[in-house]
Amino acid sequence: WSGKSLEDIDNVIVSVGPGSFTGVR
């Protein structure tokens, strides 16, 4: 939808929890 690809991404932010054990992983 955004017309982008993985190769265009410079920064990645990921939530590490807390929360569901499966969800976080």
mmCIF file of all heavy atoms, coordinates in Angstrom:
data_MODEL
# 
_entry.id   MODEL 
# 
loop_
_atom_site.group_PDB 
_atom_site.id 
_atom_site.type_symbol 
_atom_site.label_atom_id 
_atom_site.label_alt_id 
_atom_site.label_comp_id 
_atom_site.label_asym_id 
_atom_site.label_entity_id 
_atom_site.label_seq_id 
_atom_site.pdbx_PDB_ins_code 
_atom_site.Cartn_x 
_atom_site.Cartn_y 
_atom_site.Cartn_z 
_atom_site.occupancy 
_atom_site.B_iso_or_equiv 
_atom_site.pdbx_formal_charge 
_atom_site.auth_seq_id 
_atom_site.auth_comp_id 
_atom_site.auth_asym_id 
_atom_site.auth_atom_id 
_atom_site.pdbx_PDB_model_num 
ATOM 1   N N   . TRP A 1 1  ? 0.816  -1.218  0.000  1.00 0.00 ? 1  TRP A N   1 
ATOM 2   C CA  . TRP A 1 1  ? 0.000  0.000   0.000  1.00 0.00 ? 1  TRP A CA  1 
ATOM 3   C C   . TRP A 1 1  ? 0.847  1.264   0.000  1.00 0.00 ? 1  TRP A C   1 
ATOM 4   O O   . TRP A 1 1  ? 0.446  2.288   -0.529 1.00 0.00 ? 1  TRP A O   1 
ATOM 5   C CB  . TRP A 1 1  ? -0.925 0.000   1.206  1.00 0.00 ? 1  TRP A CB  1 
ATOM 6   C CG  . TRP A 1 1  ? -1.982 -1.068  1.164  1.00 0.00 ? 1  TRP A CG  1 
ATOM 7   C CD1 . TRP A 1 1  ? -2.460 -1.706  0.046  1.00 0.00 ? 1  TRP A CD1 1 
ATOM 8   C CD2 . TRP A 1 1  ? -2.686 -1.639  2.269  1.00 0.00 ? 1  TRP A CD2 1 
ATOM 9   N NE1 . TRP A 1 1  ? -3.406 -2.644  0.382  1.00 0.00 ? 1  TRP A NE1 1 
ATOM 10  C CE2 . TRP A 1 1  ? -3.578 -2.628  1.733  1.00 0.00 ? 1  TRP A CE2 1 
ATOM 11  C CE3 . TRP A 1 1  ? -2.655 -1.419  3.635  1.00 0.00 ? 1  TRP A CE3 1 
ATOM 12  C CZ2 . TRP A 1 1  ? -4.414 -3.374  2.543  1.00 0.00 ? 1  TRP A CZ2 1 
ATOM 13  C CZ3 . TRP A 1 1  ? -3.502 -2.167  4.438  1.00 0.00 ? 1  TRP A CZ3 1 
ATOM 14  C CH2 . TRP A 1 1  ? -4.370 -3.132  3.902  1.00 0.00 ? 1  TRP A CH2 1 
ATOM 15  N N   . SER A 1 2  ? 2.022  1.195   0.636  1.00 0.00 ? 2  SER A N   1 
ATOM 16  C CA  . SER A 1 2  ? 2.878  2.386   0.710  1.00 0.00 ? 2  SER A CA  1 
ATOM 17  C C   . SER A 1 2  ? 3.845  2.484   -0.460 1.00 0.00 ? 2  SER A C   1 
ATOM 18  O O   . SER A 1 2  ? 4.535  3.500   -0.614 1.00 0.00 ? 2  SER A O   1 
ATOM 19  C CB  . SER A 1 2  ? 3.666  2.376   2.025  1.00 0.00 ? 2  SER A CB  1 
ATOM 20  O OG  . SER A 1 2  ? 4.505  1.238   2.090  1.00 0.00 ? 2  SER A OG  1 
ATOM 21  N N   . GLY A 1 3  ? 3.922  1.436   -1.287 1.00 0.00 ? 3  GLY A N   1 
ATOM 22  C CA  . GLY A 1 3  ? 4.844  1.442   -2.416 1.00 0.00 ? 3  GLY A CA  1 
ATOM 23  C C   . GLY A 1 3  ? 6.293  1.309   -1.998 1.00 0.00 ? 3  GLY A C   1 
ATOM 24  O O   . GLY A 1 3  ? 7.200  1.746   -2.726 1.00 0.00 ? 3  GLY A O   1 
ATOM 25  N N   . LYS A 1 4  ? 6.530  0.679   -0.853 1.00 0.00 ? 4  LYS A N   1 
ATOM 26  C CA  . LYS A 1 4  ? 7.892  0.517   -0.336 1.00 0.00 ? 4  LYS A CA  1 
ATOM 27  C C   . LYS A 1 4  ? 8.263  -0.968  -0.282 1.00 0.00 ? 4  LYS A C   1 
ATOM 28  O O   . LYS A 1 4  ? 7.428  -1.848  -0.441 1.00 0.00 ? 4  LYS A O   1 
ATOM 29  C CB  . LYS A 1 4  ? 8.013  1.126   1.066  1.00 0.00 ? 4  LYS A CB  1 
ATOM 30  C CG  . LYS A 1 4  ? 7.718  2.613   1.131  1.00 0.00 ? 4  LYS A CG  1 
ATOM 31  C CD  . LYS A 1 4  ? 8.756  3.422   0.366  1.00 0.00 ? 4  LYS A CD  1 
ATOM 32  C CE  . LYS A 1 4  ? 8.493  4.907   0.484  1.00 0.00 ? 4  LYS A CE  1 
ATOM 33  N NZ  . LYS A 1 4  ? 9.500  5.709   -0.260 1.00 0.00 ? 4  LYS A NZ  1 
ATOM 34  N N   . SER A 1 5  ? 9.553  -1.231  -0.020 1.00 0.00 ? 5  SER A N   1 
ATOM 35  C CA  . SER A 1 5  ? 10.043 -2.598  0.129  1.00 0.00 ? 5  SER A CA  1 
ATOM 36  C C   . SER A 1 5  ? 10.913 -2.678  1.375  1.00 0.00 ? 5  SER A C   1 
ATOM 37  O O   . SER A 1 5  ? 11.283 -1.653  1.965  1.00 0.00 ? 5  SER A O   1 
ATOM 38  C CB  . SER A 1 5  ? 10.856 -3.020  -1.092 1.00 0.00 ? 5  SER A CB  1 
ATOM 39  O OG  . SER A 1 5  ? 12.066 -2.275  -1.165 1.00 0.00 ? 5  SER A OG  1 
ATOM 40  N N   . LEU A 1 6  ? 11.260 -3.903  1.777  1.00 0.00 ? 6  LEU A N   1 
ATOM 41  C CA  . LEU A 1 6  ? 12.125 -4.074  2.948  1.00 0.00 ? 6  LEU A CA  1 
ATOM 42  C C   . LEU A 1 6  ? 13.446 -3.352  2.766  1.00 0.00 ? 6  LEU A C   1 
ATOM 43  O O   . LEU A 1 6  ? 14.024 -2.819  3.725  1.00 0.00 ? 6  LEU A O   1 
ATOM 44  C CB  . LEU A 1 6  ? 12.389 -5.567  3.201  1.00 0.00 ? 6  LEU A CB  1 
ATOM 45  C CG  . LEU A 1 6  ? 11.258 -6.409  3.782  1.00 0.00 ? 6  LEU A CG  1 
ATOM 46  C CD1 . LEU A 1 6  ? 11.736 -7.837  3.986  1.00 0.00 ? 6  LEU A CD1 1 
ATOM 47  C CD2 . LEU A 1 6  ? 10.759 -5.824  5.094  1.00 0.00 ? 6  LEU A CD2 1 
ATOM 48  N N   . GLU A 1 7  ? 13.954 -3.327  1.535  1.00 0.00 ? 7  GLU A N   1 
ATOM 49  C CA  . GLU A 1 7  ? 15.246 -2.677  1.257  1.00 0.00 ? 7  GLU A CA  1 
ATOM 50  C C   . GLU A 1 7  ? 15.217 -1.172  1.510  1.00 0.00 ? 7  GLU A C   1 
ATOM 51  O O   . GLU A 1 7  ? 16.261 -0.544  1.710  1.00 0.00 ? 7  GLU A O   1 
ATOM 52  C CB  . GLU A 1 7  ? 15.660 -2.945  -0.187 1.00 0.00 ? 7  GLU A CB  1 
ATOM 53  C CG  . GLU A 1 7  ? 16.104 -4.375  -0.473 1.00 0.00 ? 7  GLU A CG  1 
ATOM 54  C CD  . GLU A 1 7  ? 14.955 -5.367  -0.489 1.00 0.00 ? 7  GLU A CD  1 
ATOM 55  O OE1 . GLU A 1 7  ? 13.783 -4.930  -0.703 1.00 0.00 ? 7  GLU A OE1 1 
ATOM 56  O OE2 . GLU A 1 7  ? 15.205 -6.559  -0.275 1.00 0.00 ? 7  GLU A OE2 1 
ATOM 57  N N   . ASP A 1 8  ? 14.016 -0.581  1.549  1.00 0.00 ? 8  ASP A N   1 
ATOM 58  C CA  . ASP A 1 8  ? 13.903 0.865   1.775  1.00 0.00 ? 8  ASP A CA  1 
ATOM 59  C C   . ASP A 1 8  ? 13.967 1.230   3.258  1.00 0.00 ? 8  ASP A C   1 
ATOM 60  O O   . ASP A 1 8  ? 14.176 2.396   3.606  1.00 0.00 ? 8  ASP A O   1 
ATOM 61  C CB  . ASP A 1 8  ? 12.570 1.386   1.210  1.00 0.00 ? 8  ASP A CB  1 
ATOM 62  C CG  . ASP A 1 8  ? 12.466 1.220   -0.289 1.00 0.00 ? 8  ASP A CG  1 
ATOM 63  O OD1 . ASP A 1 8  ? 13.495 1.416   -0.969 1.00 0.00 ? 8  ASP A OD1 1 
ATOM 64  O OD2 . ASP A 1 8  ? 11.372 0.881   -0.775 1.00 0.00 ? 8  ASP A OD2 1 
ATOM 65  N N   . ILE A 1 9  ? 13.796 0.251   4.141  1.00 0.00 ? 9  ILE A N   1 
ATOM 66  C CA  . ILE A 1 9  ? 13.686 0.529   5.577  1.00 0.00 ? 9  ILE A CA  1 
ATOM 67  C C   . ILE A 1 9  ? 15.066 0.764   6.200  1.00 0.00 ? 9  ILE A C   1 
ATOM 68  O O   . ILE A 1 9  ? 15.989 -0.029  6.003  1.00 0.00 ? 9  ILE A O   1 
ATOM 69  C CB  . ILE A 1 9  ? 12.960 -0.624  6.291  1.00 0.00 ? 9  ILE A CB  1 
ATOM 70  C CG1 . ILE A 1 9  ? 11.508 -0.691  5.801  1.00 0.00 ? 9  ILE A CG1 1 
ATOM 71  C CG2 . ILE A 1 9  ? 13.001 -0.442  7.811  1.00 0.00 ? 9  ILE A CG2 1 
ATOM 72  C CD1 . ILE A 1 9  ? 10.722 -1.880  6.321  1.00 0.00 ? 9  ILE A CD1 1 
ATOM 73  N N   . ASP A 1 10 ? 15.185 1.853   6.950  1.00 0.00 ? 10 ASP A N   1 
ATOM 74  C CA  . ASP A 1 10 ? 16.444 2.218   7.606  1.00 0.00 ? 10 ASP A CA  1 
ATOM 75  C C   . ASP A 1 10 ? 16.434 1.906   9.099  1.00 0.00 ? 10 ASP A C   1 
ATOM 76  O O   . ASP A 1 10 ? 17.464 1.533   9.668  1.00 0.00 ? 10 ASP A O   1 
ATOM 77  C CB  . ASP A 1 10 ? 16.710 3.722   7.424  1.00 0.00 ? 10 ASP A CB  1 
ATOM 78  C CG  . ASP A 1 10 ? 16.736 4.133   5.973  1.00 0.00 ? 10 ASP A CG  1 
ATOM 79  O OD1 . ASP A 1 10 ? 17.691 3.767   5.277  1.00 0.00 ? 10 ASP A OD1 1 
ATOM 80  O OD2 . ASP A 1 10 ? 15.780 4.809   5.531  1.00 0.00 ? 10 ASP A OD2 1 
ATOM 81  N N   . ASN A 1 11 ? 15.281 2.123   9.753  1.00 0.00 ? 11 ASN A N   1 
ATOM 82  C CA  . ASN A 1 11 ? 15.155 1.910   11.201 1.00 0.00 ? 11 ASN A CA  1 
ATOM 83  C C   . ASN A 1 11 ? 14.023 0.939   11.489 1.00 0.00 ? 11 ASN A C   1 
ATOM 84  O O   . ASN A 1 11 ? 12.982 0.975   10.823 1.00 0.00 ? 11 ASN A O   1 
ATOM 85  C CB  . ASN A 1 11 ? 14.857 3.225   11.932 1.00 0.00 ? 11 ASN A CB  1 
ATOM 86  C CG  . ASN A 1 11 ? 15.949 4.251   11.747 1.00 0.00 ? 11 ASN A CG  1 
ATOM 87  O OD1 . ASN A 1 11 ? 17.128 3.945   11.832 1.00 0.00 ? 11 ASN A OD1 1 
ATOM 88  N ND2 . ASN A 1 11 ? 15.550 5.492   11.479 1.00 0.00 ? 11 ASN A ND2 1 
ATOM 89  N N   . VAL A 1 12 ? 14.221 0.101   12.503 1.00 0.00 ? 12 VAL A N   1 
ATOM 90  C CA  . VAL A 1 12 ? 13.187 -0.833  12.942 1.00 0.00 ? 12 VAL A CA  1 
ATOM 91  C C   . VAL A 1 12 ? 12.997 -0.669  14.445 1.00 0.00 ? 12 VAL A C   1 
ATOM 92  O O   . VAL A 1 12 ? 13.969 -0.680  15.204 1.00 0.00 ? 12 VAL A O   1 
ATOM 93  C CB  . VAL A 1 12 ? 13.570 -2.291  12.631 1.00 0.00 ? 12 VAL A CB  1 
ATOM 94  C CG1 . VAL A 1 12 ? 12.515 -3.247  13.180 1.00 0.00 ? 12 VAL A CG1 1 
ATOM 95  C CG2 . VAL A 1 12 ? 13.757 -2.501  11.132 1.00 0.00 ? 12 VAL A CG2 1 
ATOM 96  N N   . ILE A 1 13 ? 11.745 -0.507  14.870 1.00 0.00 ? 13 ILE A N   1 
ATOM 97  C CA  . ILE A 1 13 ? 11.427 -0.419  16.298 1.00 0.00 ? 13 ILE A CA  1 
ATOM 98  C C   . ILE A 1 13 ? 10.540 -1.597  16.649 1.00 0.00 ? 13 ILE A C   1 
ATOM 99  O O   . ILE A 1 13 ? 9.496  -1.806  16.032 1.00 0.00 ? 13 ILE A O   1 
ATOM 100 C CB  . ILE A 1 13 ? 10.686 0.888   16.639 1.00 0.00 ? 13 ILE A CB  1 
ATOM 101 C CG1 . ILE A 1 13 ? 11.413 2.100   16.071 1.00 0.00 ? 13 ILE A CG1 1 
ATOM 102 C CG2 . ILE A 1 13 ? 10.539 1.032   18.157 1.00 0.00 ? 13 ILE A CG2 1 
ATOM 103 C CD1 . ILE A 1 13 ? 10.626 3.394   16.193 1.00 0.00 ? 13 ILE A CD1 1 
ATOM 104 N N   . VAL A 1 14 ? 10.931 -2.354  17.672 1.00 0.00 ? 14 VAL A N   1 
ATOM 105 C CA  . VAL A 1 14 ? 10.166 -3.538  18.055 1.00 0.00 ? 14 VAL A CA  1 
ATOM 106 C C   . VAL A 1 14 ? 9.857  -3.499  19.545 1.00 0.00 ? 14 VAL A C   1 
ATOM 107 O O   . VAL A 1 14 ? 10.719 -3.196  20.362 1.00 0.00 ? 14 VAL A O   1 
ATOM 108 C CB  . VAL A 1 14 ? 10.920 -4.831  17.683 1.00 0.00 ? 14 VAL A CB  1 
ATOM 109 C CG1 . VAL A 1 14 ? 12.305 -4.883  18.313 1.00 0.00 ? 14 VAL A CG1 1 
ATOM 110 C CG2 . VAL A 1 14 ? 10.110 -6.072  18.062 1.00 0.00 ? 14 VAL A CG2 1 
ATOM 111 N N   . SER A 1 15 ? 8.606  -3.805  19.888 1.00 0.00 ? 15 SER A N   1 
ATOM 112 C CA  . SER A 1 15 ? 8.224  -3.924  21.290 1.00 0.00 ? 15 SER A CA  1 
ATOM 113 C C   . SER A 1 15 ? 8.745  -5.242  21.838 1.00 0.00 ? 15 SER A C   1 
ATOM 114 O O   . SER A 1 15 ? 8.531  -6.304  21.247 1.00 0.00 ? 15 SER A O   1 
ATOM 115 C CB  . SER A 1 15 ? 6.706  -3.864  21.442 1.00 0.00 ? 15 SER A CB  1 
ATOM 116 O OG  . SER A 1 15 ? 6.322  -4.189  22.765 1.00 0.00 ? 15 SER A OG  1 
ATOM 117 N N   . VAL A 1 16 ? 9.400  -5.179  23.003 1.00 0.00 ? 16 VAL A N   1 
ATOM 118 C CA  . VAL A 1 16 ? 9.944  -6.391  23.624 1.00 0.00 ? 16 VAL A CA  1 
ATOM 119 C C   . VAL A 1 16 ? 9.115  -6.812  24.835 1.00 0.00 ? 16 VAL A C   1 
ATOM 120 O O   . VAL A 1 16 ? 9.500  -7.685  25.595 1.00 0.00 ? 16 VAL A O   1 
ATOM 121 C CB  . VAL A 1 16 ? 11.418 -6.200  24.026 1.00 0.00 ? 16 VAL A CB  1 
ATOM 122 C CG1 . VAL A 1 16 ? 12.285 -5.998  22.798 1.00 0.00 ? 16 VAL A CG1 1 
ATOM 123 C CG2 . VAL A 1 16 ? 11.590 -5.032  24.997 1.00 0.00 ? 16 VAL A CG2 1 
ATOM 124 N N   . GLY A 1 17 ? 7.946  -6.190  25.035 1.00 0.00 ? 17 GLY A N   1 
ATOM 125 C CA  . GLY A 1 17 ? 7.075  -6.563  26.135 1.00 0.00 ? 17 GLY A CA  1 
ATOM 126 C C   . GLY A 1 17 ? 7.035  -5.476  27.187 1.00 0.00 ? 17 GLY A C   1 
ATOM 127 O O   . GLY A 1 17 ? 7.517  -4.370  26.964 1.00 0.00 ? 17 GLY A O   1 
ATOM 128 N N   . PRO A 1 18 ? 6.439  -5.815  28.332 1.00 0.00 ? 18 PRO A N   1 
ATOM 129 C CA  . PRO A 1 18 ? 5.895  -7.109  28.730 1.00 0.00 ? 18 PRO A CA  1 
ATOM 130 C C   . PRO A 1 18 ? 4.547  -7.380  28.080 1.00 0.00 ? 18 PRO A C   1 
ATOM 131 O O   . PRO A 1 18 ? 3.923  -6.479  27.548 1.00 0.00 ? 18 PRO A O   1 
ATOM 132 C CB  . PRO A 1 18 ? 5.763  -6.974  30.250 1.00 0.00 ? 18 PRO A CB  1 
ATOM 133 C CG  . PRO A 1 18 ? 5.480  -5.519  30.455 1.00 0.00 ? 18 PRO A CG  1 
ATOM 134 C CD  . PRO A 1 18 ? 6.294  -4.815  29.416 1.00 0.00 ? 18 PRO A CD  1 
ATOM 135 N N   . GLY A 1 19 ? 4.134  -8.652  28.162 1.00 0.00 ? 19 GLY A N   1 
ATOM 136 C CA  . GLY A 1 19 ? 2.865  -9.028  27.585 1.00 0.00 ? 19 GLY A CA  1 
ATOM 137 C C   . GLY A 1 19 ? 2.808  -10.523 27.376 1.00 0.00 ? 19 GLY A C   1 
ATOM 138 O O   . GLY A 1 19 ? 3.492  -11.282 28.062 1.00 0.00 ? 19 GLY A O   1 
ATOM 139 N N   . SER A 1 20 ? 2.026  -10.943 26.409 1.00 0.00 ? 20 SER A N   1 
ATOM 140 C CA  . SER A 1 20 ? 1.886  -12.352 26.096 1.00 0.00 ? 20 SER A CA  1 
ATOM 141 C C   . SER A 1 20 ? 3.235  -12.960 25.748 1.00 0.00 ? 20 SER A C   1 
ATOM 142 O O   . SER A 1 20 ? 3.989  -12.411 24.938 1.00 0.00 ? 20 SER A O   1 
ATOM 143 C CB  . SER A 1 20 ? 0.924  -12.515 24.915 1.00 0.00 ? 20 SER A CB  1 
ATOM 144 O OG  . SER A 1 20 ? 1.095  -13.739 24.265 1.00 0.00 ? 20 SER A OG  1 
ATOM 145 N N   . PHE A 1 21 ? 3.559  -14.100 26.335 1.00 0.00 ? 21 PHE A N   1 
ATOM 146 C CA  . PHE A 1 21 ? 4.836  -14.749 26.038 1.00 0.00 ? 21 PHE A CA  1 
ATOM 147 C C   . PHE A 1 21 ? 4.960  -15.038 24.548 1.00 0.00 ? 21 PHE A C   1 
ATOM 148 O O   . PHE A 1 21 ? 5.984  -14.752 23.934 1.00 0.00 ? 21 PHE A O   1 
ATOM 149 C CB  . PHE A 1 21 ? 4.965  -16.058 26.838 1.00 0.00 ? 21 PHE A CB  1 
ATOM 150 C CG  . PHE A 1 21 ? 5.200  -15.848 28.304 1.00 0.00 ? 21 PHE A CG  1 
ATOM 151 C CD1 . PHE A 1 21 ? 4.156  -15.862 29.199 1.00 0.00 ? 21 PHE A CD1 1 
ATOM 152 C CD2 . PHE A 1 21 ? 6.483  -15.629 28.785 1.00 0.00 ? 21 PHE A CD2 1 
ATOM 153 C CE1 . PHE A 1 21 ? 4.369  -15.671 30.556 1.00 0.00 ? 21 PHE A CE1 1 
ATOM 154 C CE2 . PHE A 1 21 ? 6.716  -15.427 30.135 1.00 0.00 ? 21 PHE A CE2 1 
ATOM 155 C CZ  . PHE A 1 21 ? 5.655  -15.446 31.025 1.00 0.00 ? 21 PHE A CZ  1 
ATOM 156 N N   . THR A 1 22 ? 3.906  -15.595 23.970 1.00 0.00 ? 22 THR A N   1 
ATOM 157 C CA  . THR A 1 22 ? 3.935  -15.902 22.542 1.00 0.00 ? 22 THR A CA  1 
ATOM 158 C C   . THR A 1 22 ? 3.957  -14.631 21.713 1.00 0.00 ? 22 THR A C   1 
ATOM 159 O O   . THR A 1 22 ? 4.728  -14.510 20.756 1.00 0.00 ? 22 THR A O   1 
ATOM 160 C CB  . THR A 1 22 ? 2.715  -16.749 22.155 1.00 0.00 ? 22 THR A CB  1 
ATOM 161 O OG1 . THR A 1 22 ? 2.724  -17.962 22.912 1.00 0.00 ? 22 THR A OG1 1 
ATOM 162 C CG2 . THR A 1 22 ? 2.729  -17.088 20.677 1.00 0.00 ? 22 THR A CG2 1 
ATOM 163 N N   . GLY A 1 23 ? 3.126  -13.664 22.085 1.00 0.00 ? 23 GLY A N   1 
ATOM 164 C CA  . GLY A 1 23 ? 3.041  -12.427 21.318 1.00 0.00 ? 23 GLY A CA  1 
ATOM 165 C C   . GLY A 1 23 ? 4.352  -11.678 21.256 1.00 0.00 ? 23 GLY A C   1 
ATOM 166 O O   . GLY A 1 23 ? 4.774  -11.213 20.189 1.00 0.00 ? 23 GLY A O   1 
ATOM 167 N N   . VAL A 1 24 ? 5.026  -11.548 22.379 1.00 0.00 ? 24 VAL A N   1 
ATOM 168 C CA  . VAL A 1 24 ? 6.306  -10.842 22.414 1.00 0.00 ? 24 VAL A CA  1 
ATOM 169 C C   . VAL A 1 24 ? 7.312  -11.536 21.507 1.00 0.00 ? 24 VAL A C   1 
ATOM 170 O O   . VAL A 1 24 ? 8.047  -10.888 20.747 1.00 0.00 ? 24 VAL A O   1 
ATOM 171 C CB  . VAL A 1 24 ? 6.847  -10.764 23.856 1.00 0.00 ? 24 VAL A CB  1 
ATOM 172 C CG1 . VAL A 1 24 ? 8.270  -10.225 23.871 1.00 0.00 ? 24 VAL A CG1 1 
ATOM 173 C CG2 . VAL A 1 24 ? 5.949  -9.881  24.711 1.00 0.00 ? 24 VAL A CG2 1 
ATOM 174 N N   . ARG A 1 25 ? 7.350  -12.855 21.548 1.00 0.00 ? 25 ARG A N   1 
ATOM 175 C CA  . ARG A 1 25 ? 8.316  -13.600 20.737 1.00 0.00 ? 25 ARG A CA  1 
ATOM 176 C C   . ARG A 1 25 ? 8.029  -13.462 19.250 1.00 0.00 ? 25 ARG A C   1 
ATOM 177 O O   . ARG A 1 25 ? 8.961  -13.468 18.432 1.00 0.00 ? 25 ARG A O   1 
ATOM 178 C CB  . ARG A 1 25 ? 8.313  -15.072 21.142 1.00 0.00 ? 25 ARG A CB  1 
ATOM 179 C CG  . ARG A 1 25 ? 8.905  -15.345 22.513 1.00 0.00 ? 25 ARG A CG  1 
ATOM 180 C CD  . ARG A 1 25 ? 9.234  -16.828 22.687 1.00 0.00 ? 25 ARG A CD  1 
ATOM 181 N NE  . ARG A 1 25 ? 8.054  -17.673 22.591 1.00 0.00 ? 25 ARG A NE  1 
ATOM 182 C CZ  . ARG A 1 25 ? 7.302  -18.016 23.622 1.00 0.00 ? 25 ARG A CZ  1 
ATOM 183 N NH1 . ARG A 1 25 ? 7.603  -17.566 24.837 1.00 0.00 ? 25 ARG A NH1 1 
ATOM 184 N NH2 . ARG A 1 25 ? 6.254  -18.798 23.459 1.00 0.00 ? 25 ARG A NH2 1 
# 
